[in-house]
Amino acid sequence: MTTRESLDRAFDLRGTPRGTRDAYGWCISRYEGFFGRPASELGREDVETFLLHLVRERRLSPSTHNVYAAALRFVYGAALGRPEVTAGIPRRKTPMRLPMLLSPEQIARLLGAVASVAVRTVLMLAYGAGLRVGEACRLRVEDIDSRAMVLHIRHAKRGRARDVMLSPRLLEALRSYWRQRRPSGPWVFPAWSGEGTLSRRSVARGLRKAARRVGIDDRVTPHTLRHCFATQLLEQGVDLRTVQVLLGHGSMRSTLLYVHVTTARVRSVTSPLDRMPPLSTSAPTNR
């Protein structure tokens, strides 16, 4: 059995989502390509040599490096039945970076510059409902409940289905897109090829082009709009638990990141110095 067949078997048994399958498969193919041998013929020393190569020569970020390490743990632990090969392989520490944020005015300029109506509508779902770009791309027609004014998110990360609000402006954007594209089939955003749905890569590419047109940092990603959704809700006073549910976070720890970036909350806090009585001027002044 090839490594790919062993991986697919382990993926199917666990119901691993497509994104994880693709990422792990890519990482393992690079690992095997580095040595020119299948993973089944490699061992602990090879794993460490490869991971050190990623650090020292490739200079990968800690987060990307950790994806490779997770893929190696999976292939040896779940697919090949040799968990001892990767036992104790550490995760690299990733520095906490505050997400890029845009003002509502910047977002309006950015969305207005997106050429594709499909890409623009997906991005409006990210900003207007806090969806991950993959969730927006995989939205089904039946998931839009215009009577209850909610979106049913069924294809969520780790299978956590949830309902999110459907704002009147977002509903109008979806209807406008529908009138222009008239997509057939179950998907709201089918791929032009007719196979599957609009890809995350296409959405990211369309967003970068729009950012360049309006002079906004083109490092902006579709996830930036989800960050803006969460941060602006907190600035409006929406409680943290509600934001967690809307984002589909399994842990409050993920949502707590946004507390650090809500500048309106920071500005609203009164310093203890401002609550202190006026200073007495009776003490002599040293010159």
C-alpha atoms as a PDB file:
ATOM      1  CA  MET A   1       0.000   0.000   0.000  1.00  0.00           C
ATOM      2  CA  THR A   2       1.405   3.404  -0.973  1.00  0.00           C
ATOM      3  CA  THR A   3       1.703   6.298   1.475  1.00  0.00           C
ATOM      4  CA  ARG A   4      -1.163   8.065  -0.311  1.00  0.00           C
ATOM      5  CA  GLU A   5      -3.408   5.014   0.018  1.00  0.00           C
ATOM      6  CA  SER A   6      -2.537   4.684   3.711  1.00  0.00           C
ATOM      7  CA  LEU A   7      -3.288   8.383   4.235  1.00  0.00           C
ATOM      8  CA  ASP A   8      -6.627   8.190   2.412  1.00  0.00           C
ATOM      9  CA  ARG A   9      -7.628   5.173   4.486  1.00  0.00           C
ATOM     10  CA  ALA A  10      -6.805   6.998   7.726  1.00  0.00           C
ATOM     11  CA  PHE A  11      -8.551  10.156   6.493  1.00  0.00           C
ATOM     12  CA  ASP A  12     -11.718   8.268   5.581  1.00  0.00           C
ATOM     13  CA  LEU A  13     -11.866   6.433   8.909  1.00  0.00           C
ATOM     14  CA  ARG A  14     -11.661   9.748  10.777  1.00  0.00           C
ATOM     15  CA  GLY A  15     -13.802  11.852   8.454  1.00  0.00           C
ATOM     16  CA  THR A  16     -10.922  14.296   7.983  1.00  0.00           C
ATOM     17  CA  PRO A  17     -12.056  17.492   6.179  1.00  0.00           C
ATOM     18  CA  ARG A  18     -10.817  18.213   2.664  1.00  0.00           C
ATOM     19  CA  GLY A  19      -8.619  21.149   3.633  1.00  0.00           C
ATOM     20  CA  THR A  20      -6.668  19.065   6.148  1.00  0.00           C
ATOM     21  CA  ARG A  21      -6.341  16.197   3.665  1.00  0.00           C
ATOM     22  CA  ASP A  22      -4.861  18.493   1.038  1.00  0.00           C
ATOM     23  CA  ALA A  23      -2.462  20.185   3.473  1.00  0.00           C
ATOM     24  CA  TYR A  24      -1.194  16.937   4.996  1.00  0.00           C
ATOM     25  CA  GLY A  25      -0.885  15.258   1.613  1.00  0.00           C
ATOM     26  CA  TRP A  26       1.207  18.158   0.316  1.00  0.00           C
ATOM     27  CA  CYS A  27       3.482  18.095   3.373  1.00  0.00           C
ATOM     28  CA  ILE A  28       4.078  14.346   3.169  1.00  0.00           C
ATOM     29  CA  SER A  29       4.823  14.522  -0.557  1.00  0.00           C
ATOM     30  CA  ARG A  30       7.479  17.167   0.167  1.00  0.00           C
ATOM     31  CA  TYR A  31       8.894  15.000   2.964  1.00  0.00           C
ATOM     32  CA  GLU A  32       9.173  11.948   0.739  1.00  0.00           C
ATOM     33  CA  GLY A  33      10.534  14.047  -2.118  1.00  0.00           C
ATOM     34  CA  PHE A  34      13.269  15.432   0.144  1.00  0.00           C
ATOM     35  CA  PHE A  35      14.650  11.928   0.755  1.00  0.00           C
ATOM     36  CA  GLY A  36      13.518  10.266  -2.465  1.00  0.00           C
ATOM     37  CA  ARG A  37      11.973   7.417  -0.487  1.00  0.00           C
ATOM     38  CA  PRO A  38       8.493   6.607   0.893  1.00  0.00           C
ATOM     39  CA  ALA A  39       7.680   7.522   4.488  1.00  0.00           C
ATOM     40  CA  SER A  40       7.432   3.841   5.405  1.00  0.00           C
ATOM     41  CA  GLU A  41      11.187   3.471   4.778  1.00  0.00           C
ATOM     42  CA  LEU A  42      12.111   6.525   6.857  1.00  0.00           C
ATOM     43  CA  GLY A  43      12.410   6.922  10.621  1.00  0.00           C
ATOM     44  CA  ARG A  44      12.916   9.227  13.573  1.00  0.00           C
ATOM     45  CA  GLU A  45      16.271  10.620  12.492  1.00  0.00           C
ATOM     46  CA  ASP A  46      14.871  11.415   9.042  1.00  0.00           C
ATOM     47  CA  VAL A  47      11.895  13.239  10.523  1.00  0.00           C
ATOM     48  CA  GLU A  48      14.173  15.402  12.672  1.00  0.00           C
ATOM     49  CA  THR A  49      16.537  16.062   9.742  1.00  0.00           C
ATOM     50  CA  PHE A  50      13.623  17.211   7.586  1.00  0.00           C
ATOM     51  CA  LEU A  51      12.111  19.442  10.264  1.00  0.00           C
ATOM     52  CA  LEU A  52      15.518  21.032  10.938  1.00  0.00           C
ATOM     53  CA  HIS A  53      15.845  21.652   7.203  1.00  0.00           C
ATOM     54  CA  LEU A  54      12.527  23.523   7.293  1.00  0.00           C
ATOM     55  CA  VAL A  55      13.828  25.680  10.150  1.00  0.00           C
ATOM     56  CA  ARG A  56      17.395  26.316   9.036  1.00  0.00           C
ATOM     57  CA  GLU A  57      17.296  26.325   5.236  1.00  0.00           C
ATOM     58  CA  ARG A  58      13.669  26.975   4.339  1.00  0.00           C
ATOM     59  CA  ARG A  59      13.159  29.336   7.290  1.00  0.00           C
ATOM     60  CA  LEU A  60       9.469  28.522   7.488  1.00  0.00           C
ATOM     61  CA  SER A  61       7.267  30.361   9.952  1.00  0.00           C
ATOM     62  CA  PRO A  62       6.440  28.493  13.174  1.00  0.00           C
ATOM     63  CA  SER A  63       2.815  28.049  12.112  1.00  0.00           C
ATOM     64  CA  THR A  64       3.736  26.496   8.741  1.00  0.00           C
ATOM     65  CA  HIS A  65       6.401  24.348  10.394  1.00  0.00           C
ATOM     66  CA  ASN A  66       3.777  23.053  12.843  1.00  0.00           C
ATOM     67  CA  VAL A  67       1.546  21.960   9.938  1.00  0.00           C
ATOM     68  CA  TYR A  68       4.413  19.829   8.599  1.00  0.00           C
ATOM     69  CA  ALA A  69       5.002  18.380  12.076  1.00  0.00           C
ATOM     70  CA  ALA A  70       1.290  17.585  12.462  1.00  0.00           C
ATOM     71  CA  ALA A  71       1.260  15.898   9.037  1.00  0.00           C
ATOM     72  CA  LEU A  72       4.233  13.748  10.023  1.00  0.00           C
ATOM     73  CA  ARG A  73       2.611  12.794  13.320  1.00  0.00           C
ATOM     74  CA  PHE A  74      -0.525  11.816  11.401  1.00  0.00           C
ATOM     75  CA  VAL A  75       1.186   9.746   8.727  1.00  0.00           C
ATOM     76  CA  TYR A  76       3.243   7.768  11.246  1.00  0.00           C
ATOM     77  CA  GLY A  77       0.669   7.588  14.028  1.00  0.00           C
ATOM     78  CA  ALA A  78      -2.586   7.122  12.117  1.00  0.00           C
ATOM     79  CA  ALA A  79      -1.631   5.891   8.650  1.00  0.00           C
ATOM     80  CA  LEU A  80       1.486   3.737   9.150  1.00  0.00           C
ATOM     81  CA  GLY A  81       0.996   2.574  12.741  1.00  0.00           C
ATOM     82  CA  ARG A  82       4.423   3.749  13.921  1.00  0.00           C
ATOM     83  CA  PRO A  83       3.627   6.526  16.453  1.00  0.00           C
ATOM     84  CA  GLU A  84       7.019   6.094  18.139  1.00  0.00           C
ATOM     85  CA  VAL A  85       8.697   7.733  15.109  1.00  0.00           C
ATOM     86  CA  THR A  86       7.220  11.153  15.936  1.00  0.00           C
ATOM     87  CA  ALA A  87       6.666  10.733  19.703  1.00  0.00           C
ATOM     88  CA  GLY A  88       7.803  13.848  21.531  1.00  0.00           C
ATOM     89  CA  ILE A  89       8.285  15.959  18.382  1.00  0.00           C
ATOM     90  CA  PRO A  90       7.654  19.464  19.780  1.00  0.00           C
ATOM     91  CA  ARG A  91       5.483  22.200  18.384  1.00  0.00           C
ATOM     92  CA  ARG A  92       7.305  25.439  17.716  1.00  0.00           C
ATOM     93  CA  LYS A  93       6.025  28.393  19.687  1.00  0.00           C
ATOM     94  CA  THR A  94       4.139  30.881  17.551  1.00  0.00           C
ATOM     95  CA  PRO A  95       4.195  34.556  18.539  1.00  0.00           C
ATOM     96  CA  MET A  96       0.778  36.104  19.056  1.00  0.00           C
ATOM     97  CA  ARG A  97       0.214  38.642  16.297  1.00  0.00           C
ATOM     98  CA  LEU A  98      -2.700  41.011  16.382  1.00  0.00           C
ATOM     99  CA  PRO A  99      -4.771  40.710  13.197  1.00  0.00           C
ATOM    100  CA  MET A 100      -4.821  43.477  10.610  1.00  0.00           C
ATOM    101  CA  LEU A 101      -7.931  45.611  10.958  1.00  0.00           C
ATOM    102  CA  LEU A 102      -9.675  47.926   8.521  1.00  0.00           C
ATOM    103  CA  SER A 103     -12.179  50.679   9.190  1.00  0.00           C
ATOM    104  CA  PRO A 104     -15.717  50.406   7.752  1.00  0.00           C
ATOM    105  CA  GLU A 105     -14.765  53.136   5.253  1.00  0.00           C
ATOM    106  CA  GLN A 106     -11.739  51.152   4.060  1.00  0.00           C
ATOM    107  CA  ILE A 107     -13.818  47.990   3.764  1.00  0.00           C
ATOM    108  CA  ALA A 108     -16.426  49.822   1.676  1.00  0.00           C
ATOM    109  CA  ARG A 109     -13.692  51.048  -0.707  1.00  0.00           C
ATOM    110  CA  LEU A 110     -12.151  47.585  -0.842  1.00  0.00           C
ATOM    111  CA  LEU A 111     -15.391  45.739  -1.594  1.00  0.00           C
ATOM    112  CA  GLY A 112     -16.342  48.323  -4.177  1.00  0.00           C
ATOM    113  CA  ALA A 113     -13.093  47.618  -6.052  1.00  0.00           C
ATOM    114  CA  VAL A 114     -13.631  43.837  -6.313  1.00  0.00           C
ATOM    115  CA  ALA A 115     -14.241  43.027  -9.979  1.00  0.00           C
ATOM    116  CA  SER A 116     -16.053  39.692  -9.587  1.00  0.00           C
ATOM    117  CA  VAL A 117     -19.572  39.819  -8.165  1.00  0.00           C
ATOM    118  CA  ALA A 118     -19.144  36.283  -6.805  1.00  0.00           C
ATOM    119  CA  VAL A 119     -15.907  37.144  -4.998  1.00  0.00           C
ATOM    120  CA  ARG A 120     -17.405  40.394  -3.677  1.00  0.00           C
ATOM    121  CA  THR A 121     -20.445  38.556  -2.286  1.00  0.00           C
ATOM    122  CA  VAL A 122     -18.251  35.932  -0.591  1.00  0.00           C
ATOM    123  CA  LEU A 123     -16.250  38.736   1.032  1.00  0.00           C
ATOM    124  CA  MET A 124     -19.471  40.410   2.163  1.00  0.00           C
ATOM    125  CA  LEU A 125     -20.396  37.136   3.876  1.00  0.00           C
ATOM    126  CA  ALA A 126     -17.046  37.178   5.673  1.00  0.00           C
ATOM    127  CA  TYR A 127     -17.571  40.749   6.875  1.00  0.00           C
ATOM    128  CA  GLY A 128     -21.350  40.736   7.305  1.00  0.00           C
ATOM    129  CA  ALA A 129     -21.740  37.353   9.004  1.00  0.00           C
ATOM    130  CA  GLY A 130     -18.222  36.507  10.201  1.00  0.00           C
ATOM    131  CA  LEU A 131     -17.892  33.456   7.964  1.00  0.00           C
ATOM    132  CA  ARG A 132     -14.624  31.758   7.148  1.00  0.00           C
ATOM    133  CA  VAL A 133     -13.990  32.023   3.413  1.00  0.00           C
ATOM    134  CA  GLY A 134     -14.379  28.248   3.015  1.00  0.00           C
ATOM    135  CA  GLU A 135     -17.750  28.372   4.776  1.00  0.00           C
ATOM    136  CA  ALA A 136     -18.911  31.158   2.468  1.00  0.00           C
ATOM    137  CA  CYS A 137     -17.705  29.378  -0.678  1.00  0.00           C
ATOM    138  CA  ARG A 138     -19.548  26.196   0.346  1.00  0.00           C
ATOM    139  CA  LEU A 139     -22.831  27.915   1.196  1.00  0.00           C
ATOM    140  CA  ARG A 140     -25.826  26.051  -0.182  1.00  0.00           C
ATOM    141  CA  VAL A 141     -29.014  27.604  -1.483  1.00  0.00           C
ATOM    142  CA  GLU A 142     -31.003  25.826   1.235  1.00  0.00           C
ATOM    143  CA  ASP A 143     -28.761  27.410   3.905  1.00  0.00           C
ATOM    144  CA  ILE A 144     -30.195  30.897   3.262  1.00  0.00           C
ATOM    145  CA  ASP A 145     -33.280  31.343   5.434  1.00  0.00           C
ATOM    146  CA  SER A 146     -34.701  34.724   4.442  1.00  0.00           C
ATOM    147  CA  ARG A 147     -37.811  34.256   6.611  1.00  0.00           C
ATOM    148  CA  ALA A 148     -35.906  33.772   9.846  1.00  0.00           C
ATOM    149  CA  MET A 149     -33.078  36.025   8.562  1.00  0.00           C
ATOM    150  CA  VAL A 150     -30.370  33.511   9.432  1.00  0.00           C
ATOM    151  CA  LEU A 151     -27.709  31.577   7.557  1.00  0.00           C
ATOM    152  CA  HIS A 152     -27.289  27.900   8.421  1.00  0.00           C
ATOM    153  CA  ILE A 153     -23.570  27.079   8.386  1.00  0.00           C
ATOM    154  CA  ARG A 154     -23.278  23.334   7.968  1.00  0.00           C
ATOM    155  CA  HIS A 155     -19.806  22.945   6.459  1.00  0.00           C
ATOM    156  CA  ALA A 156     -17.969  24.500   9.387  1.00  0.00           C
ATOM    157  CA  LYS A 157     -14.538  23.830  10.827  1.00  0.00           C
ATOM    158  CA  ARG A 158     -14.438  20.567  12.831  1.00  0.00           C
ATOM    159  CA  GLY A 159     -18.085  19.980  11.948  1.00  0.00           C
ATOM    160  CA  ARG A 160     -19.456  22.662  14.297  1.00  0.00           C
ATOM    161  CA  ALA A 161     -22.679  23.665  12.560  1.00  0.00           C
ATOM    162  CA  ARG A 162     -24.153  27.000  13.636  1.00  0.00           C
ATOM    163  CA  ASP A 163     -26.630  29.702  12.691  1.00  0.00           C
ATOM    164  CA  VAL A 164     -25.563  33.297  12.085  1.00  0.00           C
ATOM    165  CA  MET A 165     -27.522  36.435  11.408  1.00  0.00           C
ATOM    166  CA  LEU A 166     -28.492  37.395   7.870  1.00  0.00           C
ATOM    167  CA  SER A 167     -28.565  41.179   7.709  1.00  0.00           C
ATOM    168  CA  PRO A 168     -30.966  42.896   5.269  1.00  0.00           C
ATOM    169  CA  ARG A 169     -28.023  44.408   3.373  1.00  0.00           C
ATOM    170  CA  LEU A 170     -26.332  41.020   3.074  1.00  0.00           C
ATOM    171  CA  LEU A 171     -29.575  39.426   1.871  1.00  0.00           C
ATOM    172  CA  GLU A 172     -29.867  42.107  -0.806  1.00  0.00           C
ATOM    173  CA  ALA A 173     -26.269  41.457  -1.889  1.00  0.00           C
ATOM    174  CA  LEU A 174     -27.007  37.724  -2.195  1.00  0.00           C
ATOM    175  CA  ARG A 175     -30.156  38.429  -4.220  1.00  0.00           C
ATOM    176  CA  SER A 176     -28.289  40.849  -6.499  1.00  0.00           C
ATOM    177  CA  TYR A 177     -25.592  38.248  -7.100  1.00  0.00           C
ATOM    178  CA  TRP A 178     -28.259  35.615  -7.789  1.00  0.00           C
ATOM    179  CA  ARG A 179     -29.976  37.801 -10.392  1.00  0.00           C
ATOM    180  CA  GLN A 180     -26.674  38.298 -12.214  1.00  0.00           C
ATOM    181  CA  ARG A 181     -25.247  34.769 -12.091  1.00  0.00           C
ATOM    182  CA  ARG A 182     -28.337  32.529 -11.863  1.00  0.00           C
ATOM    183  CA  PRO A 183     -26.285  29.574 -10.546  1.00  0.00           C
ATOM    184  CA  SER A 184     -27.720  26.107 -10.986  1.00  0.00           C
ATOM    185  CA  GLY A 185     -27.325  23.250  -8.559  1.00  0.00           C
ATOM    186  CA  PRO A 186     -27.115  23.233  -4.772  1.00  0.00           C
ATOM    187  CA  TRP A 187     -24.183  25.656  -4.373  1.00  0.00           C
ATOM    188  CA  VAL A 188     -24.615  29.420  -4.122  1.00  0.00           C
ATOM    189  CA  PHE A 189     -21.090  29.915  -5.503  1.00  0.00           C
ATOM    190  CA  PRO A 190     -20.381  27.092  -7.976  1.00  0.00           C
ATOM    191  CA  ALA A 191     -17.025  26.981  -9.722  1.00  0.00           C
ATOM    192  CA  TRP A 192     -16.969  28.255 -13.306  1.00  0.00           C
ATOM    193  CA  SER A 193     -15.925  24.773 -14.386  1.00  0.00           C
ATOM    194  CA  GLY A 194     -19.083  23.313 -12.889  1.00  0.00           C
ATOM    195  CA  GLU A 195     -17.005  21.107 -10.580  1.00  0.00           C
ATOM    196  CA  GLY A 196     -17.346  22.000  -6.903  1.00  0.00           C
ATOM    197  CA  THR A 197     -17.432  25.556  -5.615  1.00  0.00           C
ATOM    198  CA  LEU A 198     -15.552  28.826  -5.959  1.00  0.00           C
ATOM    199  CA  SER A 199     -12.102  28.305  -4.460  1.00  0.00           C
ATOM    200  CA  ARG A 200     -10.589  30.131  -1.516  1.00  0.00           C
ATOM    201  CA  ARG A 201      -7.567  30.899  -3.679  1.00  0.00           C
ATOM    202  CA  SER A 202      -9.741  32.707  -6.239  1.00  0.00           C
ATOM    203  CA  VAL A 203     -11.327  34.789  -3.490  1.00  0.00           C
ATOM    204  CA  ALA A 204      -7.945  35.711  -2.000  1.00  0.00           C
ATOM    205  CA  ARG A 205      -6.568  36.646  -5.422  1.00  0.00           C
ATOM    206  CA  GLY A 206      -9.556  38.866  -6.207  1.00  0.00           C
ATOM    207  CA  LEU A 207      -9.218  40.598  -2.841  1.00  0.00           C
ATOM    208  CA  ARG A 208      -5.501  41.317  -3.320  1.00  0.00           C
ATOM    209  CA  LYS A 209      -6.143  42.868  -6.725  1.00  0.00           C
ATOM    210  CA  ALA A 210      -8.853  45.093  -5.243  1.00  0.00           C
ATOM    211  CA  ALA A 211      -6.549  46.137  -2.397  1.00  0.00           C
ATOM    212  CA  ARG A 212      -3.911  47.282  -4.883  1.00  0.00           C
ATOM    213  CA  ARG A 213      -6.505  49.273  -6.830  1.00  0.00           C
ATOM    214  CA  VAL A 214      -7.528  51.322  -3.809  1.00  0.00           C
ATOM    215  CA  GLY A 215      -4.101  51.587  -2.172  1.00  0.00           C
ATOM    216  CA  ILE A 216      -4.747  49.290   0.805  1.00  0.00           C
ATOM    217  CA  ASP A 217      -2.021  46.968   2.085  1.00  0.00           C
ATOM    218  CA  ASP A 218      -2.293  43.946  -0.219  1.00  0.00           C
ATOM    219  CA  ARG A 219      -1.376  41.600   2.638  1.00  0.00           C
ATOM    220  CA  VAL A 220      -5.067  41.795   3.517  1.00  0.00           C
ATOM    221  CA  THR A 221      -6.780  38.391   3.333  1.00  0.00           C
ATOM    222  CA  PRO A 222     -10.424  37.267   3.336  1.00  0.00           C
ATOM    223  CA  HIS A 223      -9.896  36.315   6.988  1.00  0.00           C
ATOM    224  CA  THR A 224      -9.133  39.981   7.701  1.00  0.00           C
ATOM    225  CA  LEU A 225     -12.813  40.735   7.106  1.00  0.00           C
ATOM    226  CA  ARG A 226     -13.821  38.066   9.615  1.00  0.00           C
ATOM    227  CA  HIS A 227     -11.436  39.691  12.113  1.00  0.00           C
ATOM    228  CA  CYS A 228     -13.094  43.055  11.443  1.00  0.00           C
ATOM    229  CA  PHE A 229     -16.548  41.522  11.976  1.00  0.00           C
ATOM    230  CA  ALA A 230     -15.580  40.194  15.422  1.00  0.00           C
ATOM    231  CA  THR A 231     -13.712  43.288  16.550  1.00  0.00           C
ATOM    232  CA  GLN A 232     -16.426  45.704  15.520  1.00  0.00           C
ATOM    233  CA  LEU A 233     -19.099  43.627  17.283  1.00  0.00           C
ATOM    234  CA  LEU A 234     -17.103  43.836  20.517  1.00  0.00           C
ATOM    235  CA  GLU A 235     -16.681  47.566  20.055  1.00  0.00           C
ATOM    236  CA  GLN A 236     -20.478  47.824  19.762  1.00  0.00           C
ATOM    237  CA  GLY A 237     -20.769  46.119  23.157  1.00  0.00           C
ATOM    238  CA  VAL A 238     -21.799  42.628  22.007  1.00  0.00           C
ATOM    239  CA  ASP A 239     -20.799  40.129  24.704  1.00  0.00           C
ATOM    240  CA  LEU A 240     -17.863  37.802  24.157  1.00  0.00           C
ATOM    241  CA  ARG A 241     -19.916  34.593  24.366  1.00  0.00           C
ATOM    242  CA  THR A 242     -22.217  35.745  21.544  1.00  0.00           C
ATOM    243  CA  VAL A 243     -19.225  36.609  19.366  1.00  0.00           C
ATOM    244  CA  GLN A 244     -17.743  33.168  20.104  1.00  0.00           C
ATOM    245  CA  VAL A 245     -20.937  31.435  18.953  1.00  0.00           C
ATOM    246  CA  LEU A 246     -21.228  33.577  15.806  1.00  0.00           C
ATOM    247  CA  LEU A 247     -17.623  32.821  14.854  1.00  0.00           C
ATOM    248  CA  GLY A 248     -18.006  29.111  15.546  1.00  0.00           C
ATOM    249  CA  HIS A 249     -15.076  28.980  17.960  1.00  0.00           C
ATOM    250  CA  GLY A 250     -14.930  25.821  20.061  1.00  0.00           C
ATOM    251  CA  SER A 251     -12.890  27.571  22.745  1.00  0.00           C
ATOM    252  CA  MET A 252     -13.246  31.019  24.273  1.00  0.00           C
ATOM    253  CA  ARG A 253      -9.458  31.330  24.051  1.00  0.00           C
ATOM    254  CA  SER A 254      -9.697  31.857  20.290  1.00  0.00           C
ATOM    255  CA  THR A 255     -12.261  34.614  20.723  1.00  0.00           C
ATOM    256  CA  LEU A 256     -10.283  36.371  23.455  1.00  0.00           C
ATOM    257  CA  LEU A 257      -7.776  37.490  20.814  1.00  0.00           C
ATOM    258  CA  TYR A 258     -10.262  40.117  19.692  1.00  0.00           C
ATOM    259  CA  VAL A 259     -10.397  41.695  23.141  1.00  0.00           C
ATOM    260  CA  HIS A 260      -6.789  42.770  22.552  1.00  0.00           C
ATOM    261  CA  VAL A 261      -7.589  44.637  19.347  1.00  0.00           C
ATOM    262  CA  THR A 262     -10.728  46.545  20.250  1.00  0.00           C
ATOM    263  CA  THR A 263      -9.290  50.045  20.475  1.00  0.00           C
ATOM    264  CA  ALA A 264     -12.667  51.529  21.357  1.00  0.00           C
ATOM    265  CA  ARG A 265     -12.696  49.474  24.543  1.00  0.00           C
ATOM    266  CA  VAL A 266      -9.151  50.528  25.347  1.00  0.00           C
ATOM    267  CA  ARG A 267     -10.076  54.191  24.904  1.00  0.00           C
ATOM    268  CA  SER A 268     -13.184  53.790  27.067  1.00  0.00           C
ATOM    269  CA  VAL A 269     -11.223  52.596  30.122  1.00  0.00           C
ATOM    270  CA  THR A 270     -10.504  55.297  32.678  1.00  0.00           C
ATOM    271  CA  SER A 271      -6.968  55.338  34.008  1.00  0.00           C
ATOM    272  CA  PRO A 272      -6.609  55.172  37.843  1.00  0.00           C
ATOM    273  CA  LEU A 273      -4.528  58.350  37.537  1.00  0.00           C
ATOM    274  CA  ASP A 274      -7.580  60.257  36.296  1.00  0.00           C
ATOM    275  CA  ARG A 275      -9.620  59.065  39.294  1.00  0.00           C
ATOM    276  CA  MET A 276      -7.020  60.246  41.782  1.00  0.00           C
ATOM    277  CA  PRO A 277      -7.703  63.463  43.741  1.00  0.00           C
ATOM    278  CA  PRO A 278      -5.719  66.556  42.659  1.00  0.00           C
ATOM    279  CA  LEU A 279      -2.070  66.555  43.731  1.00  0.00           C
ATOM    280  CA  SER A 280      -1.140  68.570  46.801  1.00  0.00           C
ATOM    281  CA  THR A 281       1.388  71.308  46.018  1.00  0.00           C
ATOM    282  CA  SER A 282       2.485  71.707  49.625  1.00  0.00           C
ATOM    283  CA  ALA A 283       5.589  69.565  49.227  1.00  0.00           C
ATOM    284  CA  PRO A 284       8.778  71.509  48.459  1.00  0.00           C
ATOM    285  CA  THR A 285      10.045  71.290  44.901  1.00  0.00           C
ATOM    286  CA  ASN A 286      13.589  70.012  44.371  1.00  0.00           C
ATOM    287  CA  ARG A 287      15.599  72.035  41.916  1.00  0.00           C
END
